Amino acid sequence: MLTIFTPAYNRANLLPRLYESLCRQTVKDFEWLIVDDGSTDNTEDVCKSFTGEGFDVHYYRKENGGKQRAINYAVERAKGEWFIILDSDDYLTDNAIELVLPHLQDIANKPEFAGVMGLKQNINGEISGGERHYDVLDTDMLSFRTKHGYRAESIEVMCTSVMREFPFPEFEGEKFIQEAVVWNRIARRYKCRYINKVLQIIEYQSEGLSSSAADLMRRNPCGALLYYKEAFMYGNTLPYRFWALGEYWLYYSACPRRHEDSFRPTLSMKLLRPLAWTYIPIRALRRRLRR
């Protein structure tokens, strides 16, 4: 069985669409676990109206603490062997579970695998990150982005025990950290199976995490510093590590815990600090060209 987890915060208007996509699944061997992260709208009433059609619905409400805490909370309560994070503004294709199950069954007894990754598609029918040049690709999550050159996010169907092995870091006073912190840690020990199948439809909201990631990084400097430090340490290409080095030193002075071991720069990062300053004009130019 799978656990489909949805973190919810003031998205009562969007949850019914997601619920309907779950009701349309051609295979319903899953539970739906909703964690209400302190919503102030009628999310609770909406969630309690979902009865499930062939699957169980579990609703939990907790104090607002950010998505990473909601994920950790859900992982501890998940009953499924596999765990899917499905945001409230997204939904599944009608045959998503049916498409992914054969691959989950194939890797179930292969301890080197952490999960299966599928494609995301926006509501206009465009594949996130463009077309893929594989049917099935077995690789780790870092190599997928750096060596194979695929930058777009995938929908992750992860082994629940692996998620418990790698919980999301939580810092007092902060409510955001890049999910890639955990994915990069998992990539050092496990690989995943990437399939060229659309499993998820995405529709980013103007007030969502994706649209405000840069601002969230500034307001959550401990999470940002840890993310860039580990990206530099675990990166397997020079351009990726150069980018991580530059971003690390840009956030360094803003982190109140920068002298703790988890955030402190490695010796190579200290030695390469002068090189990091050459990244600043490159960063500025890239941002100007995007406008």
Protein backbone atom coordinates (compact mmCIF):
# COMPACT_ATOMS: atom_id res chain seq x y z
CA MET A 1 0.00 0.00 0.00
CA LEU A 2 1.01 3.59 -0.63
CA THR A 3 0.57 6.66 1.54
CA ILE A 4 -0.34 9.81 -0.37
CA PHE A 5 0.48 12.74 1.87
CA THR A 6 -0.82 16.29 1.42
CA PRO A 7 0.36 19.22 3.56
CA ALA A 8 -2.47 21.74 3.73
CA TYR A 9 -2.37 25.40 4.70
CA ASN A 10 -5.33 27.61 3.79
CA ARG A 11 -6.07 25.68 0.59
CA ALA A 12 -9.65 24.61 1.30
CA ASN A 13 -10.70 25.72 -2.19
CA LEU A 14 -8.18 23.44 -3.94
CA LEU A 15 -8.42 20.25 -1.90
CA PRO A 16 -11.67 18.98 -3.52
CA ARG A 17 -9.95 18.85 -6.94
CA LEU A 18 -7.14 16.74 -5.50
CA TYR A 19 -9.65 14.51 -3.71
CA GLU A 20 -11.57 13.92 -6.94
CA SER A 21 -8.37 12.86 -8.71
CA LEU A 22 -7.78 10.26 -6.00
CA CYS A 23 -11.35 9.01 -6.37
CA ARG A 24 -10.72 8.53 -10.10
CA GLN A 25 -7.63 6.35 -9.62
CA THR A 26 -7.84 3.08 -11.53
CA VAL A 27 -6.01 1.37 -8.63
CA LYS A 28 -6.84 2.44 -5.07
CA ASP A 29 -4.29 0.57 -2.99
CA PHE A 30 -3.42 3.69 -0.98
CA GLU A 31 -4.36 5.86 1.97
CA TRP A 32 -4.62 9.65 1.89
CA LEU A 33 -2.99 11.38 4.83
CA ILE A 34 -3.69 15.12 5.20
CA VAL A 35 -1.75 17.27 7.66
CA ASP A 36 -3.39 20.64 8.26
CA ASP A 37 -0.51 22.94 9.19
CA GLY A 38 -2.54 25.38 11.27
CA SER A 39 -4.92 26.65 8.58
CA THR A 40 -7.15 29.61 9.40
CA ASP A 41 -9.74 28.93 6.69
CA ASN A 42 -12.26 26.07 6.57
CA THR A 43 -9.71 23.42 5.60
CA GLU A 44 -10.74 21.22 8.53
CA ASP A 45 -14.41 21.18 7.54
CA VAL A 46 -13.55 20.43 3.91
CA CYS A 47 -11.19 17.58 4.83
CA LYS A 48 -13.68 15.99 7.20
CA SER A 49 -16.22 15.89 4.36
CA PHE A 50 -13.96 13.53 2.37
CA THR A 51 -15.20 9.99 2.95
CA GLY A 52 -12.95 8.21 0.47
CA GLU A 53 -14.13 5.97 -2.36
CA GLY A 54 -12.15 2.76 -1.96
CA PHE A 55 -9.35 4.33 0.12
CA ASP A 56 -8.94 5.63 3.66
CA VAL A 57 -8.66 9.33 4.47
CA HIS A 58 -6.78 10.42 7.63
CA TYR A 59 -6.88 14.05 8.72
CA TYR A 60 -4.49 15.55 11.28
CA ARG A 61 -4.23 19.12 12.47
CA LYS A 62 -1.09 20.60 14.02
CA GLU A 63 0.39 23.95 14.93
CA ASN A 64 1.84 25.83 11.98
CA GLY A 65 5.46 24.80 11.57
CA GLY A 66 6.21 24.69 7.87
CA LYS A 67 6.18 21.97 5.24
CA GLN A 68 9.28 20.11 6.49
CA ARG A 69 7.71 19.55 9.92
CA ALA A 70 4.46 18.45 8.30
CA ILE A 71 6.38 15.89 6.21
CA ASN A 72 8.16 14.49 9.27
CA TYR A 73 4.84 14.36 11.13
CA ALA A 74 3.20 12.46 8.28
CA VAL A 75 6.05 10.01 7.72
CA GLU A 76 5.80 8.85 11.33
CA ARG A 77 2.07 8.15 10.88
CA ALA A 78 2.18 6.64 7.40
CA LYS A 79 0.97 3.05 7.05
CA GLY A 80 2.03 2.60 3.44
CA GLU A 81 5.26 1.01 2.31
CA TRP A 82 5.67 3.85 -0.21
CA PHE A 83 5.23 7.58 0.40
CA ILE A 84 4.14 10.29 -2.06
CA ILE A 85 4.18 14.03 -1.29
CA LEU A 86 1.30 15.62 -3.21
CA ASP A 87 0.76 19.33 -2.58
CA SER A 88 -2.73 20.74 -2.30
CA ASP A 89 -2.49 22.68 -5.58
CA ASP A 90 -1.56 19.55 -7.56
CA TYR A 91 -3.37 16.33 -8.45
CA LEU A 92 -2.68 12.91 -9.95
CA THR A 93 -3.40 11.63 -13.42
CA ASP A 94 -6.20 9.08 -13.29
CA ASN A 95 -3.87 6.11 -13.81
CA ALA A 96 -0.87 7.34 -11.78
CA ILE A 97 -0.95 4.57 -9.18
CA GLU A 98 -1.53 1.92 -11.84
CA LEU A 99 1.49 3.16 -13.82
CA VAL A 100 3.90 3.27 -10.91
CA LEU A 101 2.96 0.00 -9.17
CA PRO A 102 4.83 -2.40 -11.54
CA HIS A 103 8.04 -0.43 -11.02
CA LEU A 104 7.58 -0.39 -7.25
CA GLN A 105 7.10 -4.14 -7.32
CA ASP A 106 10.24 -4.53 -9.44
CA ILE A 107 12.49 -2.58 -7.03
CA ALA A 108 10.84 -3.72 -3.80
CA ASN A 109 13.51 -6.35 -3.08
CA LYS A 110 16.43 -4.30 -4.38
CA PRO A 111 17.92 -2.51 -1.36
CA GLU A 112 19.93 -0.09 -3.50
CA PHE A 113 16.69 1.65 -4.60
CA ALA A 114 14.88 4.37 -2.64
CA GLY A 115 11.90 4.85 -4.93
CA VAL A 116 10.40 5.63 -8.32
CA MET A 117 10.24 9.07 -9.97
CA GLY A 118 7.65 10.15 -12.52
CA LEU A 119 7.00 13.23 -14.65
CA LYS A 120 5.10 16.37 -13.74
CA GLN A 121 2.95 18.17 -16.30
CA ASN A 122 1.37 21.60 -16.01
CA ILE A 123 -2.31 22.23 -16.72
CA ASN A 124 -1.43 23.38 -20.25
CA GLY A 125 -0.01 19.95 -21.09
CA GLU A 126 3.67 20.92 -20.96
CA ILE A 127 6.11 18.50 -19.33
CA SER A 128 8.01 20.14 -16.47
CA GLY A 129 11.59 20.51 -17.68
CA GLY A 130 10.81 19.41 -21.23
CA GLU A 131 10.81 16.01 -22.87
CA ARG A 132 12.93 13.19 -21.44
CA HIS A 133 15.19 10.95 -23.51
CA TYR A 134 14.67 7.69 -21.67
CA ASP A 135 11.96 5.14 -20.98
CA VAL A 136 13.50 3.98 -17.71
CA LEU A 137 16.61 5.44 -16.08
CA ASP A 138 18.17 4.07 -12.90
CA THR A 139 20.39 6.66 -11.24
CA ASP A 140 20.70 8.71 -8.07
CA MET A 141 18.94 12.05 -7.63
CA LEU A 142 22.10 14.14 -7.79
CA SER A 143 23.38 12.51 -10.98
CA PHE A 144 19.95 12.89 -12.57
CA ARG A 145 20.29 16.68 -12.32
CA THR A 146 24.02 17.14 -12.79
CA LYS A 147 25.38 14.31 -14.97
CA HIS A 148 22.22 13.65 -16.99
CA GLY A 149 21.21 17.32 -17.15
CA TYR A 150 17.53 17.08 -16.18
CA ARG A 151 16.73 20.12 -14.04
CA ALA A 152 13.00 19.80 -13.49
CA GLU A 153 11.41 18.33 -10.41
CA SER A 154 9.94 14.84 -10.46
CA ILE A 155 7.12 13.35 -8.45
CA GLU A 156 8.80 11.18 -5.82
CA VAL A 157 7.34 7.83 -4.78
CA MET A 158 9.75 7.05 -1.94
CA CYS A 159 10.17 4.06 0.31
CA THR A 160 8.67 5.10 3.67
CA SER A 161 11.49 3.48 5.62
CA VAL A 162 14.01 5.59 3.66
CA MET A 163 12.01 8.73 4.49
CA ARG A 164 12.21 7.76 8.17
CA GLU A 165 15.94 7.22 7.79
CA PHE A 166 16.36 10.77 6.43
CA PRO A 167 14.00 13.16 8.27
CA PHE A 168 13.89 16.81 7.28
CA PRO A 169 16.05 19.09 9.46
CA GLU A 170 14.06 21.40 11.73
CA PHE A 171 15.44 24.70 13.05
CA GLU A 172 13.81 26.77 15.76
CA GLY A 173 12.31 29.94 14.33
CA GLU A 174 12.44 28.69 10.73
CA LYS A 175 9.65 27.11 8.69
CA PHE A 176 11.28 26.35 5.34
CA ILE A 177 14.12 24.29 3.97
CA GLN A 178 14.73 23.08 0.43
CA GLU A 179 13.50 19.50 -0.01
CA ALA A 180 16.69 18.87 -1.99
CA VAL A 181 18.58 18.75 1.33
CA VAL A 182 16.97 15.37 2.02
CA TRP A 183 16.98 14.20 -1.60
CA ASN A 184 20.73 14.90 -1.85
CA ARG A 185 21.40 12.95 1.34
CA ILE A 186 19.39 10.02 0.03
CA ALA A 187 21.29 10.22 -3.28
CA ARG A 188 24.56 9.44 -1.52
CA ARG A 189 23.23 6.05 -0.43
CA TYR A 190 20.44 5.09 -2.82
CA LYS A 191 19.41 5.38 -6.44
CA CYS A 192 15.94 5.78 -7.91
CA ARG A 193 14.10 4.57 -10.97
CA TYR A 194 13.00 7.38 -13.28
CA ILE A 195 10.11 6.55 -15.61
CA ASN A 196 8.99 8.59 -18.62
CA LYS A 197 5.36 8.68 -17.53
CA VAL A 198 3.26 11.65 -16.40
CA LEU A 199 1.91 10.99 -12.91
CA GLN A 200 1.18 14.48 -11.59
CA ILE A 201 -0.50 17.65 -12.84
CA ILE A 202 0.88 20.85 -11.31
CA GLU A 203 -0.57 24.32 -11.00
CA TYR A 204 1.67 26.59 -8.94
CA GLN A 205 -0.19 29.26 -6.98
CA SER A 206 0.92 32.90 -6.83
CA GLU A 207 1.25 32.68 -3.04
CA GLY A 208 2.82 29.20 -2.99
CA LEU A 209 6.26 28.06 -1.84
CA SER A 210 7.57 27.67 -5.39
CA SER A 211 6.80 31.28 -6.31
CA SER A 212 8.46 32.70 -3.20
CA ALA A 213 11.43 30.34 -2.77
CA ALA A 214 14.08 33.08 -2.93
CA ASP A 215 12.34 35.13 -0.26
CA LEU A 216 11.86 32.04 1.90
CA MET A 217 15.57 31.26 1.67
CA ARG A 218 16.40 34.75 2.94
CA ARG A 219 13.97 34.41 5.84
CA ASN A 220 15.24 30.93 6.73
CA PRO A 221 19.04 31.34 6.58
CA CYS A 222 19.96 28.23 8.59
CA GLY A 223 18.11 26.01 6.17
CA ALA A 224 19.61 27.89 3.23
CA LEU A 225 23.17 27.62 4.52
CA LEU A 226 22.84 23.90 5.20
CA TYR A 227 21.38 23.34 1.74
CA TYR A 228 24.21 25.09 -0.09
CA LYS A 229 26.94 23.61 2.10
CA GLU A 230 25.79 20.07 1.42
CA ALA A 231 25.18 20.81 -2.27
CA PHE A 232 28.84 21.81 -2.48
CA MET A 233 30.01 18.79 -0.50
CA TYR A 234 27.92 16.22 -2.40
CA GLY A 235 27.91 17.81 -5.86
CA ASN A 236 29.43 15.68 -8.61
CA THR A 237 30.13 18.34 -11.25
CA LEU A 238 32.26 21.49 -11.08
CA PRO A 239 29.53 23.93 -12.26
CA TYR A 240 27.13 22.62 -9.64
CA ARG A 241 29.70 22.93 -6.86
CA PHE A 242 30.73 26.42 -8.01
CA TRP A 243 27.09 27.53 -7.85
CA ALA A 244 26.65 26.02 -4.36
CA LEU A 245 29.90 27.63 -3.13
CA GLY A 246 28.82 31.08 -4.30
CA GLU A 247 25.36 30.82 -2.78
CA TYR A 248 26.78 29.50 0.50
CA TRP A 249 29.00 32.53 1.05
CA LEU A 250 26.17 34.89 0.09
CA TYR A 251 24.02 33.47 2.91
CA TYR A 252 26.83 32.87 5.40
CA SER A 253 26.69 36.11 7.38
CA ALA A 254 22.89 35.94 7.71
CA CYS A 255 22.92 32.60 9.53
CA PRO A 256 22.96 33.06 13.33
CA ARG A 257 24.27 29.50 13.80
CA ARG A 258 27.04 29.69 11.18
CA HIS A 259 29.74 28.73 13.70
CA GLU A 260 28.10 25.41 14.58
CA ASP A 261 29.51 22.27 12.97
CA SER A 262 26.47 21.67 10.75
CA PHE A 263 26.82 25.05 9.07
CA ARG A 264 30.55 25.81 9.36
CA PRO A 265 32.42 25.81 6.01
CA THR A 266 34.74 22.96 5.19
CA LEU A 267 38.45 23.64 4.66
CA SER A 268 38.05 23.56 0.88
CA MET A 269 35.17 26.05 1.11
CA LYS A 270 37.36 28.41 3.10
CA LEU A 271 40.22 28.10 0.65
CA LEU A 272 37.88 28.70 -2.32
CA ARG A 273 36.13 31.68 -0.78
CA PRO A 274 37.89 34.21 -3.05
CA LEU A 275 36.61 32.25 -6.05
CA ALA A 276 33.06 32.54 -4.67
CA TRP A 277 33.08 36.29 -5.10
CA THR A 278 33.47 35.87 -8.86
CA TYR A 279 30.08 34.18 -8.73
CA ILE A 280 28.27 37.36 -7.64
CA PRO A 281 28.42 39.20 -11.01
CA ILE A 282 27.57 35.96 -12.81
CA ARG A 283 24.53 35.53 -10.56
CA ALA A 284 23.41 39.11 -11.18
CA LEU A 285 23.79 38.72 -14.95
CA ARG A 286 21.80 35.47 -15.01
CA ARG A 287 18.95 37.06 -13.08
CA ARG A 288 18.89 40.06 -15.40
CA LEU A 289 18.72 37.82 -18.47
CA ARG A 290 15.75 35.94 -17.00
CA ARG A 291 13.66 39.11 -16.76
